[in-house]
Amino acid sequence: YCYLSGFNPRFERLSPGKIVLGYAIENAIRAG
């Protein structure tokens, strides 16, 4: 369950929100 997130707007061009969410999805896939 992905409840809340946040990222530093100064680094928005680096897609930090996408990375931290994708990391959770990647771990979910790994765990079945």
PDB file of all heavy atoms in Angstrom:
ATOM      1  N   TYR A   1       0.859  -1.186   0.000  1.00  0.00           N
ATOM      2  CA  TYR A   1       0.000   0.000   0.000  1.00  0.00           C
ATOM      3  C   TYR A   1       0.899   1.242   0.000  1.00  0.00           C
ATOM      4  O   TYR A   1       1.651   1.465   0.946  1.00  0.00           O
ATOM      5  CB  TYR A   1      -0.888   0.012   1.246  1.00  0.00           C
ATOM      6  CG  TYR A   1      -1.767  -1.200   1.385  1.00  0.00           C
ATOM      7  CD1 TYR A   1      -1.305  -2.342   2.041  1.00  0.00           C
ATOM      8  CD2 TYR A   1      -3.056  -1.219   0.864  1.00  0.00           C
ATOM      9  CE1 TYR A   1      -2.117  -3.472   2.175  1.00  0.00           C
ATOM     10  CE2 TYR A   1      -3.876  -2.343   0.992  1.00  0.00           C
ATOM     11  CZ  TYR A   1      -3.392  -3.458   1.641  1.00  0.00           C
ATOM     12  OH  TYR A   1      -4.187  -4.581   1.780  1.00  0.00           O
ATOM     13  N   CYS A   2       0.820   2.028  -1.051  1.00  0.00           N
ATOM     14  CA  CYS A   2       1.636   3.240  -1.184  1.00  0.00           C
ATOM     15  C   CYS A   2       0.837   4.430  -0.653  1.00  0.00           C
ATOM     16  O   CYS A   2      -0.080   4.920  -1.316  1.00  0.00           O
ATOM     17  CB  CYS A   2       2.031   3.461  -2.642  1.00  0.00           C
ATOM     18  SG  CYS A   2       3.024   2.112  -3.320  1.00  0.00           S
ATOM     19  N   TYR A   3       1.201   4.908   0.529  1.00  0.00           N
ATOM     20  CA  TYR A   3       0.356   5.873   1.245  1.00  0.00           C
ATOM     21  C   TYR A   3       0.681   7.327   0.906  1.00  0.00           C
ATOM     22  O   TYR A   3      -0.184   8.094   0.501  1.00  0.00           O
ATOM     23  CB  TYR A   3       0.493   5.638   2.753  1.00  0.00           C
ATOM     24  CG  TYR A   3      -0.394   6.520   3.590  1.00  0.00           C
ATOM     25  CD1 TYR A   3      -1.774   6.333   3.611  1.00  0.00           C
ATOM     26  CD2 TYR A   3       0.143   7.549   4.354  1.00  0.00           C
ATOM     27  CE1 TYR A   3      -2.592   7.149   4.381  1.00  0.00           C
ATOM     28  CE2 TYR A   3      -0.666   8.363   5.121  1.00  0.00           C
ATOM     29  CZ  TYR A   3      -2.034   8.162   5.134  1.00  0.00           C
ATOM     30  OH  TYR A   3      -2.844   8.976   5.883  1.00  0.00           O
ATOM     31  N   LEU A   4       1.927   7.736   1.092  1.00  0.00           N
ATOM     32  CA  LEU A   4       2.326   9.132   0.832  1.00  0.00           C
ATOM     33  C   LEU A   4       3.748   9.157   0.297  1.00  0.00           C
ATOM     34  O   LEU A   4       4.565   8.281   0.608  1.00  0.00           O
ATOM     35  CB  LEU A   4       2.272   9.967   2.120  1.00  0.00           C
ATOM     36  CG  LEU A   4       0.948  10.595   2.540  1.00  0.00           C
ATOM     37  CD1 LEU A   4       1.134  11.300   3.877  1.00  0.00           C
ATOM     38  CD2 LEU A   4       0.421  11.558   1.502  1.00  0.00           C
ATOM     39  N   SER A   5       4.044  10.186  -0.479  1.00  0.00           N
ATOM     40  CA  SER A   5       5.408  10.350  -0.973  1.00  0.00           C
ATOM     41  C   SER A   5       5.744  11.831  -1.047  1.00  0.00           C
ATOM     42  O   SER A   5       4.876  12.695  -0.942  1.00  0.00           O
ATOM     43  CB  SER A   5       5.566   9.697  -2.352  1.00  0.00           C
ATOM     44  OG  SER A   5       4.739  10.354  -3.309  1.00  0.00           O
ATOM     45  N   GLY A   6       6.995  12.088  -1.242  1.00  0.00           N
ATOM     46  CA  GLY A   6       7.448  13.456  -1.421  1.00  0.00           C
ATOM     47  C   GLY A   6       8.818  13.461  -2.066  1.00  0.00           C
ATOM     48  O   GLY A   6       9.562  12.484  -1.962  1.00  0.00           O
ATOM     49  N   PHE A   7       9.142  14.545  -2.760  1.00  0.00           N
ATOM     50  CA  PHE A   7      10.469  14.660  -3.358  1.00  0.00           C
ATOM     51  C   PHE A   7      10.883  16.130  -3.380  1.00  0.00           C
ATOM     52  O   PHE A   7      10.047  17.040  -3.285  1.00  0.00           O
ATOM     53  CB  PHE A   7      10.510  14.059  -4.766  1.00  0.00           C
ATOM     54  CG  PHE A   7       9.630  14.755  -5.778  1.00  0.00           C
ATOM     55  CD1 PHE A   7      10.086  15.871  -6.484  1.00  0.00           C
ATOM     56  CD2 PHE A   7       8.343  14.309  -6.018  1.00  0.00           C
ATOM     57  CE1 PHE A   7       9.279  16.516  -7.412  1.00  0.00           C
ATOM     58  CE2 PHE A   7       7.525  14.942  -6.943  1.00  0.00           C
ATOM     59  CZ  PHE A   7       7.996  16.057  -7.638  1.00  0.00           C
ATOM     60  N   ASN A   8      12.180  16.333  -3.509  1.00  0.00           N
ATOM     61  CA  ASN A   8      12.732  17.674  -3.559  1.00  0.00           C
ATOM     62  C   ASN A   8      12.533  18.250  -4.960  1.00  0.00           C
ATOM     63  O   ASN A   8      13.060  17.713  -5.934  1.00  0.00           O
ATOM     64  CB  ASN A   8      14.224  17.627  -3.214  1.00  0.00           C
ATOM     65  CG  ASN A   8      14.826  18.999  -3.027  1.00  0.00           C
ATOM     66  OD1 ASN A   8      14.404  19.967  -3.655  1.00  0.00           O
ATOM     67  ND2 ASN A   8      15.818  19.089  -2.160  1.00  0.00           N
ATOM     68  N   PRO A   9      11.769  19.333  -5.083  1.00  0.00           N
ATOM     69  CA  PRO A   9      11.502  19.894  -6.422  1.00  0.00           C
ATOM     70  C   PRO A   9      12.765  20.288  -7.181  1.00  0.00           C
ATOM     71  O   PRO A   9      12.751  20.350  -8.418  1.00  0.00           O
ATOM     72  CB  PRO A   9      10.623  21.114  -6.121  1.00  0.00           C
ATOM     73  CG  PRO A   9      10.032  20.847  -4.778  1.00  0.00           C
ATOM     74  CD  PRO A   9      11.066  20.075  -4.027  1.00  0.00           C
ATOM     75  N   ARG A  10      13.873  20.542  -6.473  1.00  0.00           N
ATOM     76  CA  ARG A  10      15.119  20.924  -7.159  1.00  0.00           C
ATOM     77  C   ARG A  10      15.652  19.809  -8.047  1.00  0.00           C
ATOM     78  O   ARG A  10      16.399  20.060  -8.996  1.00  0.00           O
ATOM     79  CB  ARG A  10      16.199  21.304  -6.129  1.00  0.00           C
ATOM     80  CG  ARG A  10      15.943  22.596  -5.390  1.00  0.00           C
ATOM     81  CD  ARG A  10      17.195  23.064  -4.656  1.00  0.00           C
ATOM     82  NE  ARG A  10      17.649  22.111  -3.642  1.00  0.00           N
ATOM     83  CZ  ARG A  10      18.786  21.423  -3.720  1.00  0.00           C
ATOM     84  NH1 ARG A  10      19.574  21.550  -4.783  1.00  0.00           N
ATOM     85  NH2 ARG A  10      19.132  20.609  -2.742  1.00  0.00           N
ATOM     86  N   PHE A  11      15.261  18.575  -7.719  1.00  0.00           N
ATOM     87  CA  PHE A  11      15.771  17.425  -8.479  1.00  0.00           C
ATOM     88  C   PHE A  11      14.689  16.794  -9.354  1.00  0.00           C
ATOM     89  O   PHE A  11      14.818  15.637  -9.749  1.00  0.00           O
ATOM     90  CB  PHE A  11      16.329  16.382  -7.511  1.00  0.00           C
ATOM     91  CG  PHE A  11      17.487  16.870  -6.694  1.00  0.00           C
ATOM     92  CD1 PHE A  11      17.286  17.394  -5.418  1.00  0.00           C
ATOM     93  CD2 PHE A  11      18.772  16.826  -7.193  1.00  0.00           C
ATOM     94  CE1 PHE A  11      18.352  17.846  -4.653  1.00  0.00           C
ATOM     95  CE2 PHE A  11      19.848  17.273  -6.442  1.00  0.00           C
ATOM     96  CZ  PHE A  11      19.636  17.785  -5.162  1.00  0.00           C
ATOM     97  N   GLU A  12      13.649  17.549  -9.656  1.00  0.00           N
ATOM     98  CA  GLU A  12      12.535  16.985 -10.403  1.00  0.00           C
ATOM     99  C   GLU A  12      12.973  16.418 -11.760  1.00  0.00           C
ATOM    100  O   GLU A  12      12.433  15.399 -12.222  1.00  0.00           O
ATOM    101  CB  GLU A  12      11.456  18.054 -10.603  1.00  0.00           C
ATOM    102  CG  GLU A  12      10.177  17.515 -11.208  1.00  0.00           C
ATOM    103  CD  GLU A  12       9.042  18.530 -11.160  1.00  0.00           C
ATOM    104  OE1 GLU A  12       9.275  19.677 -10.687  1.00  0.00           O
ATOM    105  OE2 GLU A  12       7.920  18.178 -11.579  1.00  0.00           O
ATOM    106  N   ARG A  13      13.961  17.018 -12.383  1.00  0.00           N
ATOM    107  CA  ARG A  13      14.420  16.546 -13.700  1.00  0.00           C
ATOM    108  C   ARG A  13      15.010  15.132 -13.634  1.00  0.00           C
ATOM    109  O   ARG A  13      15.120  14.438 -14.652  1.00  0.00           O
ATOM    110  CB  ARG A  13      15.453  17.512 -14.263  1.00  0.00           C
ATOM    111  CG  ARG A  13      16.732  17.581 -13.459  1.00  0.00           C
ATOM    112  CD  ARG A  13      17.728  18.594 -14.002  1.00  0.00           C
ATOM    113  NE  ARG A  13      18.934  18.651 -13.201  1.00  0.00           N
ATOM    114  CZ  ARG A  13      19.970  17.819 -13.328  1.00  0.00           C
ATOM    115  NH1 ARG A  13      19.929  16.865 -14.260  1.00  0.00           N
ATOM    116  NH2 ARG A  13      21.031  17.918 -12.551  1.00  0.00           N
ATOM    117  N   LEU A  14      15.377  14.683 -12.415  1.00  0.00           N
ATOM    118  CA  LEU A  14      15.956  13.352 -12.234  1.00  0.00           C
ATOM    119  C   LEU A  14      14.888  12.299 -11.903  1.00  0.00           C
ATOM    120  O   LEU A  14      15.224  11.147 -11.642  1.00  0.00           O
ATOM    121  CB  LEU A  14      17.021  13.375 -11.131  1.00  0.00           C
ATOM    122  CG  LEU A  14      18.216  14.298 -11.363  1.00  0.00           C
ATOM    123  CD1 LEU A  14      19.165  14.270 -10.179  1.00  0.00           C
ATOM    124  CD2 LEU A  14      18.955  13.914 -12.648  1.00  0.00           C
ATOM    125  N   SER A  15      13.625  12.700 -11.907  1.00  0.00           N
ATOM    126  CA  SER A  15      12.489  11.787 -11.658  1.00  0.00           C
ATOM    127  C   SER A  15      12.620  11.030 -10.337  1.00  0.00           C
ATOM    128  O   SER A  15      12.451   9.805 -10.293  1.00  0.00           O
ATOM    129  CB  SER A  15      12.342  10.800 -12.820  1.00  0.00           C
ATOM    130  OG  SER A  15      12.203  11.449 -14.047  1.00  0.00           O
ATOM    131  N   PRO A  16      12.880  11.707  -9.220  1.00  0.00           N
ATOM    132  CA  PRO A  16      13.058  10.987  -7.948  1.00  0.00           C
ATOM    133  C   PRO A  16      11.790  10.284  -7.472  1.00  0.00           C
ATOM    134  O   PRO A  16      11.867   9.199  -6.878  1.00  0.00           O
ATOM    135  CB  PRO A  16      13.486  12.091  -6.973  1.00  0.00           C
ATOM    136  CG  PRO A  16      12.944  13.355  -7.574  1.00  0.00           C
ATOM    137  CD  PRO A  16      13.032  13.172  -9.049  1.00  0.00           C
ATOM    138  N   GLY A  17      10.616  10.897  -7.724  1.00  0.00           N
ATOM    139  CA  GLY A  17       9.374  10.249  -7.327  1.00  0.00           C
ATOM    140  C   GLY A  17       9.151   8.942  -8.062  1.00  0.00           C
ATOM    141  O   GLY A  17       8.712   7.940  -7.468  1.00  0.00           O
ATOM    142  N   LYS A  18       9.448   8.919  -9.344  1.00  0.00           N
ATOM    143  CA  LYS A  18       9.296   7.699 -10.143  1.00  0.00           C
ATOM    144  C   LYS A  18      10.262   6.621  -9.662  1.00  0.00           C
ATOM    145  O   LYS A  18       9.904   5.439  -9.578  1.00  0.00           O
ATOM    146  CB  LYS A  18       9.552   8.006 -11.607  1.00  0.00           C
ATOM    147  CG  LYS A  18       9.460   6.782 -12.519  1.00  0.00           C
ATOM    148  CD  LYS A  18       9.618   7.182 -13.975  1.00  0.00           C
ATOM    149  CE  LYS A  18       8.441   8.005 -14.450  1.00  0.00           C
ATOM    150  NZ  LYS A  18       8.521   8.341 -15.888  1.00  0.00           N
ATOM    151  N   ILE A  19      11.464   7.017  -9.288  1.00  0.00           N
ATOM    152  CA  ILE A  19      12.460   6.038  -8.856  1.00  0.00           C
ATOM    153  C   ILE A  19      12.057   5.386  -7.541  1.00  0.00           C
ATOM    154  O   ILE A  19      12.104   4.158  -7.401  1.00  0.00           O
ATOM    155  CB  ILE A  19      13.845   6.706  -8.724  1.00  0.00           C
ATOM    156  CG1 ILE A  19      14.381   7.074 -10.109  1.00  0.00           C
ATOM    157  CG2 ILE A  19      14.823   5.800  -7.984  1.00  0.00           C
ATOM    158  CD1 ILE A  19      15.668   7.871 -10.083  1.00  0.00           C
ATOM    159  N   VAL A  20      11.639   6.188  -6.561  1.00  0.00           N
ATOM    160  CA  VAL A  20      11.325   5.616  -5.254  1.00  0.00           C
ATOM    161  C   VAL A  20      10.061   4.753  -5.320  1.00  0.00           C
ATOM    162  O   VAL A  20       9.947   3.731  -4.627  1.00  0.00           O
ATOM    163  CB  VAL A  20      11.230   6.736  -4.193  1.00  0.00           C
ATOM    164  CG1 VAL A  20       9.917   7.500  -4.286  1.00  0.00           C
ATOM    165  CG2 VAL A  20      11.442   6.188  -2.799  1.00  0.00           C
ATOM    166  N   LEU A  21       9.107   5.114  -6.184  1.00  0.00           N
ATOM    167  CA  LEU A  21       7.920   4.289  -6.357  1.00  0.00           C
ATOM    168  C   LEU A  21       8.250   3.018  -7.142  1.00  0.00           C
ATOM    169  O   LEU A  21       7.811   1.916  -6.794  1.00  0.00           O
ATOM    170  CB  LEU A  21       6.827   5.089  -7.075  1.00  0.00           C
ATOM    171  CG  LEU A  21       5.508   4.373  -7.348  1.00  0.00           C
ATOM    172  CD1 LEU A  21       4.920   3.790  -6.071  1.00  0.00           C
ATOM    173  CD2 LEU A  21       4.508   5.330  -7.994  1.00  0.00           C
ATOM    174  N   GLY A  22       9.049   3.171  -8.199  1.00  0.00           N
ATOM    175  CA  GLY A  22       9.453   2.004  -8.971  1.00  0.00           C
ATOM    176  C   GLY A  22      10.251   1.008  -8.147  1.00  0.00           C
ATOM    177  O   GLY A  22      10.147  -0.209  -8.338  1.00  0.00           O
ATOM    178  N   TYR A  23      11.047   1.527  -7.214  1.00  0.00           N
ATOM    179  CA  TYR A  23      11.809   0.655  -6.310  1.00  0.00           C
ATOM    180  C   TYR A  23      10.866  -0.209  -5.482  1.00  0.00           C
ATOM    181  O   TYR A  23      11.113  -1.417  -5.294  1.00  0.00           O
ATOM    182  CB  TYR A  23      12.687   1.516  -5.406  1.00  0.00           C
ATOM    183  CG  TYR A  23      13.510   0.736  -4.413  1.00  0.00           C
ATOM    184  CD1 TYR A  23      14.751   0.210  -4.763  1.00  0.00           C
ATOM    185  CD2 TYR A  23      13.052   0.549  -3.109  1.00  0.00           C
ATOM    186  CE1 TYR A  23      15.509  -0.498  -3.844  1.00  0.00           C
ATOM    187  CE2 TYR A  23      13.802  -0.157  -2.182  1.00  0.00           C
ATOM    188  CZ  TYR A  23      15.033  -0.682  -2.552  1.00  0.00           C
ATOM    189  OH  TYR A  23      15.795  -1.385  -1.634  1.00  0.00           O
ATOM    190  N   ALA A  24       9.770   0.389  -4.979  1.00  0.00           N
ATOM    191  CA  ALA A  24       8.791  -0.380  -4.206  1.00  0.00           C
ATOM    192  C   ALA A  24       8.137  -1.452  -5.069  1.00  0.00           C
ATOM    193  O   ALA A  24       7.911  -2.588  -4.621  1.00  0.00           O
ATOM    194  CB  ALA A  24       7.740   0.558  -3.625  1.00  0.00           C
ATOM    195  N   ILE A  25       7.816  -1.097  -6.320  1.00  0.00           N
ATOM    196  CA  ILE A  25       7.196  -2.072  -7.226  1.00  0.00           C
ATOM    197  C   ILE A  25       8.187  -3.185  -7.566  1.00  0.00           C
ATOM    198  O   ILE A  25       7.824  -4.371  -7.594  1.00  0.00           O
ATOM    199  CB  ILE A  25       6.707  -1.362  -8.504  1.00  0.00           C
ATOM    200  CG1 ILE A  25       5.588  -0.362  -8.157  1.00  0.00           C
ATOM    201  CG2 ILE A  25       6.204  -2.376  -9.528  1.00  0.00           C
ATOM    202  CD1 ILE A  25       5.185   0.538  -9.316  1.00  0.00           C
ATOM    203  N   GLU A  26       9.438  -2.821  -7.789  1.00  0.00           N
ATOM    204  CA  GLU A  26      10.465  -3.822  -8.095  1.00  0.00           C
ATOM    205  C   GLU A  26      10.619  -4.825  -6.949  1.00  0.00           C
ATOM    206  O   GLU A  26      10.686  -6.045  -7.161  1.00  0.00           O
ATOM    207  CB  GLU A  26      11.797  -3.127  -8.368  1.00  0.00           C
ATOM    208  CG  GLU A  26      12.913  -4.082  -8.746  1.00  0.00           C
ATOM    209  CD  GLU A  26      14.194  -3.356  -9.116  1.00  0.00           C
ATOM    210  OE1 GLU A  26      14.291  -2.132  -8.859  1.00  0.00           O
ATOM    211  OE2 GLU A  26      15.090  -4.018  -9.660  1.00  0.00           O
ATOM    212  N   ASN A  27      10.649  -4.326  -5.721  1.00  0.00           N
ATOM    213  CA  ASN A  27      10.747  -5.218  -4.568  1.00  0.00           C
ATOM    214  C   ASN A  27       9.503  -6.086  -4.416  1.00  0.00           C
ATOM    215  O   ASN A  27       9.584  -7.246  -3.997  1.00  0.00           O
ATOM    216  CB  ASN A  27      10.970  -4.409  -3.293  1.00  0.00           C
ATOM    217  CG  ASN A  27      12.421  -4.000  -3.116  1.00  0.00           C
ATOM    218  OD1 ASN A  27      13.308  -4.533  -3.786  1.00  0.00           O
ATOM    219  ND2 ASN A  27      12.661  -3.063  -2.239  1.00  0.00           N
ATOM    220  N   ALA A  28       8.340  -5.515  -4.768  1.00  0.00           N
ATOM    221  CA  ALA A  28       7.106  -6.290  -4.705  1.00  0.00           C
ATOM    222  C   ALA A  28       7.148  -7.453  -5.702  1.00  0.00           C
ATOM    223  O   ALA A  28       6.745  -8.580  -5.391  1.00  0.00           O
ATOM    224  CB  ALA A  28       5.905  -5.389  -4.979  1.00  0.00           C
ATOM    225  N   ILE A  29       7.623  -7.182  -6.903  1.00  0.00           N
ATOM    226  CA  ILE A  29       7.750  -8.240  -7.913  1.00  0.00           C
ATOM    227  C   ILE A  29       8.724  -9.310  -7.431  1.00  0.00           C
ATOM    228  O   ILE A  29       8.462 -10.517  -7.535  1.00  0.00           O
ATOM    229  CB  ILE A  29       8.217  -7.644  -9.255  1.00  0.00           C
ATOM    230  CG1 ILE A  29       7.151  -6.699  -9.809  1.00  0.00           C
ATOM    231  CG2 ILE A  29       8.523  -8.751 -10.264  1.00  0.00           C
ATOM    232  CD1 ILE A  29       7.637  -5.855 -10.972  1.00  0.00           C
ATOM    233  N   ARG A  30       9.837  -8.873  -6.870  1.00  0.00           N
ATOM    234  CA  ARG A  30      10.853  -9.800  -6.387  1.00  0.00           C
ATOM    235  C   ARG A  30      10.296 -10.714  -5.288  1.00  0.00           C
ATOM    236  O   ARG A  30      10.670 -11.893  -5.194  1.00  0.00           O
ATOM    237  CB  ARG A  30      12.051  -9.008  -5.855  1.00  0.00           C
ATOM    238  CG  ARG A  30      13.321  -9.826  -5.661  1.00  0.00           C
ATOM    239  CD  ARG A  30      14.393  -8.945  -5.013  1.00  0.00           C
ATOM    240  NE  ARG A  30      14.638  -7.734  -5.782  1.00  0.00           N
ATOM    241  CZ  ARG A  30      15.471  -7.667  -6.812  1.00  0.00           C
ATOM    242  NH1 ARG A  30      16.114  -8.745  -7.227  1.00  0.00           N
ATOM    243  NH2 ARG A  30      15.656  -6.523  -7.450  1.00  0.00           N
ATOM    244  N   ALA A  31       9.405 -10.162  -4.450  1.00  0.00           N
ATOM    245  CA  ALA A  31       8.843 -10.927  -3.333  1.00  0.00           C
ATOM    246  C   ALA A  31       7.605 -11.735  -3.717  1.00  0.00           C
ATOM    247  O   ALA A  31       7.034 -12.429  -2.879  1.00  0.00           O
ATOM    248  CB  ALA A  31       8.507  -9.982  -2.181  1.00  0.00           C
ATOM    249  N   GLY A  32       7.156 -11.626  -4.979  1.00  0.00           N
ATOM    250  CA  GLY A  32       5.959 -12.344  -5.389  1.00  0.00           C
ATOM    251  C   GLY A  32       4.673 -11.717  -4.891  1.00  0.00           C
ATOM    252  O   GLY A  32       3.652 -12.394  -4.736  1.00  0.00           O
TER     253      GLY A  32
END
